[in-house]
Amino acid sequence: MRALLTLCLAAGLSLALQVLPASAQEAPLPPVDAGAKDPSWAPFHKRLVAAVEQRDVKFLLSILDPKVRNSFEKPDGVKAFVEQWDLDTAAKAKESPLWTEMRSMLRFGAAPLESATGERLLCLPYVAVTFPPTIDPYLFAAVVTPDAPVFAKPSTQAPIIATLSYQIVGVEDWDLEDDVKSPQRWVKVVLKNGGGYMASEHVRSAIEARACFTRSRGKVPNAGPWRMISLTVGGG
């Protein structure tokens, strides 16, 4: 997903960042954990985390809504979900990119959302729901940790030039290698007074993978077990 974001950065990035309000680079975006208010969410979330770590296809398919929404131009439904994520054989499922996407999402809290049909949803990560719609998600992202260091170069050995906490920041490059060739990946960020580099786990785009869940049936809330009604990538 980070590679896709990098490809979408056009040559006019610097100009675009100058045109957009400088305040966008400082707007706070605090974490949200709406699931904490629902006693049924914590055990479900725990079971889902375990299923992802175990690559438990059976459990994952058991919580899918029959009309689960898929990414981009894919049709809705479980069959398309299985095809999209290469879950149709045990060998392919073991290597599916689904597990990486789910693991990344599940480390965040969920934000509440109401669907077009009036269903009450919990969607994670919260960034995908709470990111301001007036700010371009290809050029800006959310810092998702407190006191995240910004380095002068893409290396933890470089000087720290700033620290950022739960706020929006401009992005010039989404996926860079470490200067000393460690496995760490970096995001080049744009600040009001220059730029720097942040470890990729501290930065999240609003159009990275998002999953939404509900217990509603129609407009009746909390009427059934949790089920996943969508898993989309790229803002779809």
Protein backbone atom coordinates (compact mmCIF):
# COMPACT_ATOMS: atom_id res chain seq x y z
CA MET A 1 0.00 0.00 0.00
CA ARG A 2 2.85 2.41 0.77
CA ALA A 3 4.27 1.77 -2.71
CA LEU A 4 0.93 2.79 -4.23
CA LEU A 5 0.95 6.02 -2.26
CA THR A 6 4.48 6.78 -3.43
CA LEU A 7 3.47 6.31 -7.07
CA CYS A 8 0.60 8.75 -6.60
CA LEU A 9 2.92 11.59 -5.61
CA ALA A 10 3.19 13.79 -8.67
CA ALA A 11 6.00 16.12 -9.66
CA GLY A 12 3.98 19.08 -8.40
CA LEU A 13 4.07 17.94 -4.78
CA SER A 14 6.04 20.88 -3.45
CA LEU A 15 3.69 23.37 -5.06
CA ALA A 16 0.66 21.50 -3.75
CA LEU A 17 2.02 21.60 -0.22
CA GLN A 18 2.59 25.34 -0.52
CA VAL A 19 -0.97 25.94 -1.74
CA LEU A 20 -2.61 23.95 1.04
CA PRO A 21 -2.97 25.72 4.41
CA ALA A 22 0.14 25.45 6.56
CA SER A 23 -2.19 24.78 9.50
CA ALA A 24 -3.03 21.41 7.93
CA GLN A 25 0.47 20.27 8.85
CA GLU A 26 -0.19 21.03 12.51
CA ALA A 27 -3.83 20.01 12.92
CA PRO A 28 -4.25 17.56 15.79
CA LEU A 29 -5.71 14.14 15.12
CA PRO A 30 -6.11 12.43 18.51
CA PRO A 31 -6.55 8.66 18.77
CA VAL A 32 -10.04 7.23 19.10
CA ASP A 33 -11.12 3.97 20.73
CA ALA A 34 -14.91 3.85 20.54
CA GLY A 35 -14.85 0.08 21.01
CA ALA A 36 -13.84 0.60 24.63
CA LYS A 37 -17.42 1.71 25.34
CA ASP A 38 -18.88 -1.59 24.11
CA PRO A 39 -18.23 -4.61 26.39
CA SER A 40 -18.78 -7.00 23.48
CA TRP A 41 -16.04 -5.43 21.35
CA ALA A 42 -13.01 -6.28 23.52
CA PRO A 43 -13.43 -10.09 23.43
CA PHE A 44 -14.28 -9.99 19.73
CA HIS A 45 -11.25 -7.84 18.99
CA LYS A 46 -9.03 -10.16 21.03
CA ARG A 47 -10.34 -13.21 19.15
CA LEU A 48 -9.81 -11.47 15.81
CA VAL A 49 -6.23 -10.53 16.71
CA ALA A 50 -5.55 -14.16 17.60
CA ALA A 51 -7.10 -15.35 14.33
CA VAL A 52 -4.89 -13.01 12.33
CA GLU A 53 -1.76 -14.16 14.15
CA GLN A 54 -2.76 -17.79 13.51
CA ARG A 55 -3.82 -17.03 9.92
CA ASP A 56 -7.15 -18.63 10.76
CA VAL A 57 -9.09 -18.41 7.50
CA LYS A 58 -12.05 -20.35 8.91
CA PHE A 59 -12.68 -17.83 11.68
CA LEU A 60 -12.21 -14.86 9.40
CA LEU A 61 -14.71 -16.16 6.86
CA SER A 62 -17.15 -16.93 9.69
CA ILE A 63 -17.40 -13.25 10.63
CA LEU A 64 -17.80 -11.91 7.09
CA ASP A 65 -21.11 -10.38 6.14
CA PRO A 66 -22.53 -12.21 3.09
CA LYS A 67 -22.43 -8.90 1.22
CA VAL A 68 -19.03 -7.78 2.52
CA ARG A 69 -17.77 -4.75 0.62
CA ASN A 70 -14.47 -5.19 -1.18
CA SER A 71 -11.93 -2.76 -2.66
CA PHE A 72 -12.10 -0.72 -5.83
CA GLU A 73 -14.14 -2.34 -8.61
CA LYS A 74 -14.36 -5.74 -6.98
CA PRO A 75 -17.93 -7.02 -6.53
CA ASP A 76 -19.34 -7.35 -3.04
CA GLY A 77 -19.57 -10.71 -1.33
CA VAL A 78 -17.53 -13.47 0.25
CA LYS A 79 -16.50 -15.10 -3.03
CA ALA A 80 -14.87 -11.89 -4.28
CA PHE A 81 -13.25 -11.38 -0.86
CA VAL A 82 -11.67 -14.85 -1.05
CA GLU A 83 -10.42 -14.19 -4.58
CA GLN A 84 -9.08 -10.73 -3.79
CA TRP A 85 -7.04 -11.93 -0.81
CA ASP A 86 -5.92 -15.31 -2.25
CA LEU A 87 -7.69 -17.40 0.37
CA ASP A 88 -8.99 -20.12 -1.93
CA THR A 89 -6.25 -22.65 -1.06
CA ALA A 90 -4.38 -23.28 2.18
CA ALA A 91 -1.01 -22.64 0.54
CA LYS A 92 -2.06 -19.31 -0.95
CA ALA A 93 -3.89 -18.26 2.22
CA LYS A 94 -0.76 -18.75 4.29
CA GLU A 95 1.05 -16.12 2.20
CA SER A 96 -1.92 -13.79 1.73
CA PRO A 97 -1.23 -10.05 2.17
CA LEU A 98 -4.47 -9.96 4.17
CA TRP A 99 -2.70 -10.87 7.40
CA THR A 100 -0.26 -7.99 7.17
CA GLU A 101 -3.06 -5.52 6.43
CA MET A 102 -5.23 -6.82 9.26
CA ARG A 103 -2.37 -6.86 11.76
CA SER A 104 -1.59 -3.26 10.89
CA MET A 105 -5.20 -2.16 11.35
CA LEU A 106 -5.86 -4.02 14.58
CA ARG A 107 -3.20 -2.16 16.51
CA PHE A 108 -5.39 0.96 16.34
CA GLY A 109 -8.63 1.90 18.02
CA ALA A 110 -11.91 1.98 16.12
CA ALA A 111 -14.01 5.05 15.35
CA PRO A 112 -17.81 5.13 15.11
CA LEU A 113 -19.48 5.61 11.75
CA GLU A 114 -23.03 5.44 10.44
CA SER A 115 -23.49 3.67 7.12
CA ALA A 116 -25.63 4.95 4.27
CA THR A 117 -28.35 2.55 5.40
CA GLY A 118 -28.27 3.73 9.00
CA GLU A 119 -26.21 0.89 10.48
CA ARG A 120 -23.97 1.77 13.40
CA LEU A 121 -20.41 0.76 12.57
CA LEU A 122 -17.05 0.57 14.25
CA CYS A 123 -14.24 1.13 11.74
CA LEU A 124 -10.54 0.74 12.23
CA PRO A 125 -8.09 2.24 12.10
CA TYR A 126 -9.63 5.43 13.48
CA VAL A 127 -7.47 7.47 11.07
CA ALA A 128 -9.56 6.34 8.08
CA VAL A 129 -12.71 7.80 9.68
CA THR A 130 -11.48 10.88 11.52
CA PHE A 131 -9.01 12.26 8.96
CA PRO A 132 -10.37 15.62 7.72
CA PRO A 133 -12.00 15.22 4.28
CA THR A 134 -10.66 18.62 3.22
CA ILE A 135 -7.02 17.46 3.46
CA ASP A 136 -5.50 15.42 0.62
CA PRO A 137 -4.63 11.94 2.00
CA TYR A 138 -1.98 11.45 -0.69
CA LEU A 139 -0.04 14.50 0.49
CA PHE A 140 -0.76 14.36 4.21
CA ALA A 141 -0.89 11.64 6.83
CA ALA A 142 -1.49 11.14 10.54
CA VAL A 143 1.18 10.71 13.17
CA VAL A 144 -0.29 7.87 15.23
CA THR A 145 2.03 7.74 18.24
CA PRO A 146 3.05 10.21 20.96
CA ASP A 147 6.44 11.90 20.86
CA ALA A 148 7.47 10.30 17.59
CA PRO A 149 10.97 11.46 16.60
CA VAL A 150 11.71 13.16 13.30
CA PHE A 151 15.27 12.48 12.14
CA ALA A 152 17.48 14.59 9.88
CA LYS A 153 18.18 11.50 7.75
CA PRO A 154 16.46 8.13 7.35
CA SER A 155 18.46 6.55 10.17
CA THR A 156 18.07 6.27 13.92
CA GLN A 157 21.71 7.34 14.11
CA ALA A 158 20.87 10.75 12.63
CA PRO A 159 20.07 13.78 14.80
CA ILE A 160 16.49 14.20 15.99
CA ILE A 161 15.17 17.51 14.71
CA ALA A 162 11.60 17.40 16.07
CA THR A 163 9.03 15.25 17.83
CA LEU A 164 5.40 14.95 16.73
CA SER A 165 2.35 13.57 18.54
CA TYR A 166 -1.04 12.62 17.11
CA GLN A 167 -1.17 15.25 14.39
CA ILE A 168 -1.32 15.68 10.63
CA VAL A 169 1.92 16.03 8.72
CA GLY A 170 2.85 16.58 5.08
CA VAL A 171 4.40 13.63 3.24
CA GLU A 172 6.92 13.78 0.39
CA ASP A 173 7.82 10.09 0.14
CA TRP A 174 6.01 7.13 1.69
CA ASP A 175 8.59 4.38 1.54
CA LEU A 176 12.33 4.88 1.90
CA GLU A 177 15.15 2.53 2.84
CA ASP A 178 17.27 3.07 5.91
CA ASP A 179 20.57 4.87 5.33
CA VAL A 180 22.52 2.08 7.03
CA LYS A 181 20.45 -0.66 5.36
CA SER A 182 18.59 -1.85 8.45
CA PRO A 183 15.08 -3.33 7.88
CA GLN A 184 13.52 -0.07 9.08
CA ARG A 185 11.39 1.74 6.49
CA TRP A 186 10.99 5.53 6.52
CA VAL A 187 8.52 8.22 5.53
CA LYS A 188 9.86 11.61 4.41
CA VAL A 189 7.71 14.25 6.05
CA VAL A 190 7.29 17.94 5.34
CA LEU A 191 7.27 20.37 8.25
CA LYS A 192 6.64 24.10 8.29
CA ASN A 193 10.33 24.74 8.80
CA GLY A 194 11.75 22.07 6.54
CA GLY A 195 11.50 18.31 6.50
CA GLY A 196 12.75 15.13 8.02
CA TYR A 197 12.23 11.38 8.29
CA MET A 198 9.94 9.31 10.49
CA ALA A 199 9.87 5.56 11.02
CA SER A 200 6.99 4.20 8.94
CA GLU A 201 5.15 2.71 11.94
CA HIS A 202 4.59 6.20 13.33
CA VAL A 203 2.72 7.44 10.23
CA ARG A 204 -0.60 6.28 8.75
CA SER A 205 -2.44 7.30 5.61
CA ALA A 206 -6.20 7.73 5.65
CA ILE A 207 -6.47 5.60 2.52
CA GLU A 208 -4.60 2.57 3.78
CA ALA A 209 -6.68 -0.50 4.55
CA ARG A 210 -9.87 0.04 6.56
CA ALA A 211 -12.26 -2.53 8.03
CA CYS A 212 -15.76 -1.83 9.35
CA PHE A 213 -17.78 -4.00 11.71
CA THR A 214 -21.34 -3.97 13.00
CA ARG A 215 -23.75 -5.81 15.26
CA SER A 216 -26.73 -4.02 13.79
CA ARG A 217 -29.41 -5.64 11.68
CA GLY A 218 -30.90 -2.91 9.56
CA LYS A 219 -31.39 0.03 11.89
CA VAL A 220 -31.65 -2.14 15.02
CA PRO A 221 -28.37 -1.76 16.97
CA ASN A 222 -26.65 -4.54 18.91
CA ALA A 223 -28.97 -7.17 17.48
CA GLY A 224 -26.41 -9.85 16.67
CA PRO A 225 -22.76 -10.92 16.79
CA TRP A 226 -20.03 -8.74 15.36
CA ARG A 227 -19.46 -9.19 11.65
CA MET A 228 -17.14 -7.50 9.18
CA ILE A 229 -19.09 -5.65 6.52
CA SER A 230 -16.18 -4.14 4.60
CA LEU A 231 -12.44 -4.36 4.07
CA THR A 232 -11.25 -1.78 1.61
CA VAL A 233 -7.89 -0.39 0.51
CA GLY A 234 -7.26 2.92 -1.18
CA GLY A 235 -10.27 4.76 0.21
CA GLY A 236 -12.73 2.46 -1.56
